[in-house]
């Protein structure tokens, strides 16, 4: 799998519509800082809270990016849009998280801000 110009542009559109912006990232960083120096249980609770906020942020906006998400998966997996719509998204997300090009793209995007 490779990230093409089309797939990167689709990612950019998805990120924009979901509003994964500096403000949201800074909120998550600041929430993470509240766990510093706390006991392990409090740290785990904060990690869960951050995870839930991220999941809620993304899932509450998925309806806005359905077409872009379908196009991205089709482009990334090199399948038709119809095939992409039938794919198990959990498997696709797991694959993306293990894709060095994909994670590198996000690291570069975060570092550029």
Protein backbone atom coordinates (compact mmCIF):
# COMPACT_ATOMS: atom_id res chain seq x y z
CA UNK A 1 0.00 0.00 0.00
CA UNK A 2 1.20 3.49 -0.67
CA UNK A 3 0.10 7.01 0.03
CA UNK A 4 -0.55 8.79 -3.23
CA UNK A 5 -1.32 12.43 -3.91
CA UNK A 6 -5.00 11.50 -4.09
CA UNK A 7 -4.96 9.65 -0.77
CA UNK A 8 -3.01 12.40 1.01
CA UNK A 9 -5.47 15.02 -0.27
CA UNK A 10 -8.36 12.87 0.94
CA UNK A 11 -6.68 12.57 4.35
CA UNK A 12 -6.29 16.33 4.48
CA UNK A 13 -9.98 16.79 3.74
CA UNK A 14 -10.95 14.23 6.39
CA UNK A 15 -8.72 15.89 9.01
CA UNK A 16 -10.17 19.29 8.16
CA UNK A 17 -13.80 18.18 8.31
CA UNK A 18 -13.31 16.24 11.54
CA UNK A 19 -11.51 19.30 12.94
CA UNK A 20 -8.43 17.49 14.20
CA UNK A 21 -6.69 20.81 14.58
CA UNK A 22 -4.14 22.49 16.86
CA UNK A 23 -6.80 23.42 19.41
CA UNK A 24 -7.97 19.82 19.79
CA UNK A 25 -4.42 18.45 19.89
CA UNK A 26 -3.43 21.00 22.54
CA UNK A 27 -6.50 20.06 24.62
CA UNK A 28 -5.38 16.41 24.56
CA UNK A 29 -1.79 17.37 25.44
CA UNK A 30 -2.96 19.51 28.35
CA UNK A 31 -5.24 16.74 29.57
CA UNK A 32 -2.29 14.35 29.40
CA UNK A 33 -0.17 16.74 31.45
CA UNK A 34 -2.69 16.55 34.29
CA UNK A 35 -1.65 12.93 34.86
CA UNK A 36 2.00 13.81 35.41
CA UNK A 37 3.19 12.69 38.84
CA UNK A 38 -0.04 10.87 39.63
CA UNK A 39 -0.55 7.26 40.57
CA UNK A 40 -0.81 4.60 37.88
CA UNK A 41 -4.60 4.29 38.22
CA UNK A 42 -5.04 8.05 37.69
CA UNK A 43 -2.70 7.94 34.69
CA UNK A 44 -4.70 5.06 33.17
CA UNK A 45 -7.96 6.93 33.81
CA UNK A 46 -6.56 9.99 32.03
CA UNK A 47 -5.37 7.84 29.12
CA UNK A 48 -8.86 6.33 28.83
CA UNK A 49 -10.41 9.80 28.95
CA UNK A 50 -8.11 11.03 26.17
CA UNK A 51 -8.89 7.93 24.09
CA UNK A 52 -12.63 8.40 24.53
CA UNK A 53 -12.42 12.09 23.58
CA UNK A 54 -10.53 11.19 20.41
CA UNK A 55 -13.01 8.43 19.52
CA UNK A 56 -15.98 10.74 20.18
CA UNK A 57 -14.42 13.57 18.16
CA UNK A 58 -13.82 11.33 15.17
CA UNK A 59 -17.02 9.31 15.34
CA UNK A 60 -19.23 12.39 15.74
CA UNK A 61 -17.99 13.70 12.38
CA UNK A 62 -17.80 10.48 10.35
CA UNK A 63 -21.04 11.26 8.55
CA UNK A 64 -19.36 14.36 7.14
CA UNK A 65 -16.49 12.39 5.61
CA UNK A 66 -18.23 9.25 4.35
CA UNK A 67 -17.39 9.91 0.70
CA UNK A 68 -13.79 10.93 1.42
CA UNK A 69 -13.31 7.93 3.70
CA UNK A 70 -14.66 5.55 1.06
CA UNK A 71 -12.45 7.14 -1.59
CA UNK A 72 -9.41 7.02 0.70
CA UNK A 73 -9.86 3.34 1.55
CA UNK A 74 -10.47 2.47 -2.11
CA UNK A 75 -7.36 4.39 -3.15
CA UNK A 76 -5.20 3.07 -0.31
CA UNK A 77 -6.26 -0.56 -0.70
CA UNK A 78 -6.40 -0.31 -4.50
CA UNK A 79 -9.97 -1.62 -4.67
CA UNK A 80 -13.25 -0.29 -6.01
CA UNK A 81 -15.39 2.05 -3.95
CA UNK A 82 -17.98 -0.71 -3.63
CA UNK A 83 -15.35 -3.08 -2.23
CA UNK A 84 -14.05 -0.38 0.12
CA UNK A 85 -17.54 0.20 1.54
CA UNK A 86 -17.77 -3.50 2.49
CA UNK A 87 -14.40 -3.65 4.28
CA UNK A 88 -14.12 -4.07 8.01
CA UNK A 89 -12.95 -0.62 9.12
CA UNK A 90 -11.37 -1.97 12.30
CA UNK A 91 -9.06 -4.11 10.15
CA UNK A 92 -8.31 -1.14 7.87
CA UNK A 93 -7.51 1.10 10.86
CA UNK A 94 -5.23 -1.55 12.36
CA UNK A 95 -3.44 -1.86 9.03
CA UNK A 96 -3.06 1.92 8.77
CA UNK A 97 -1.62 2.13 12.29
CA UNK A 98 1.04 -0.39 11.26
CA UNK A 99 1.78 1.36 7.96
CA UNK A 100 5.01 3.32 8.33
CA UNK A 101 4.15 5.71 5.49
CA UNK A 102 0.77 6.53 7.04
CA UNK A 103 2.08 7.13 10.56
CA UNK A 104 5.04 9.08 9.18
CA UNK A 105 2.62 11.36 7.29
CA UNK A 106 0.86 12.25 10.55
CA UNK A 107 4.09 12.73 12.46
CA UNK A 108 5.28 15.16 9.79
CA UNK A 109 1.91 16.96 9.79
CA UNK A 110 2.04 17.34 13.57
CA UNK A 111 5.66 18.47 13.60
CA UNK A 112 5.05 21.08 10.90
CA UNK A 113 2.58 22.85 13.20
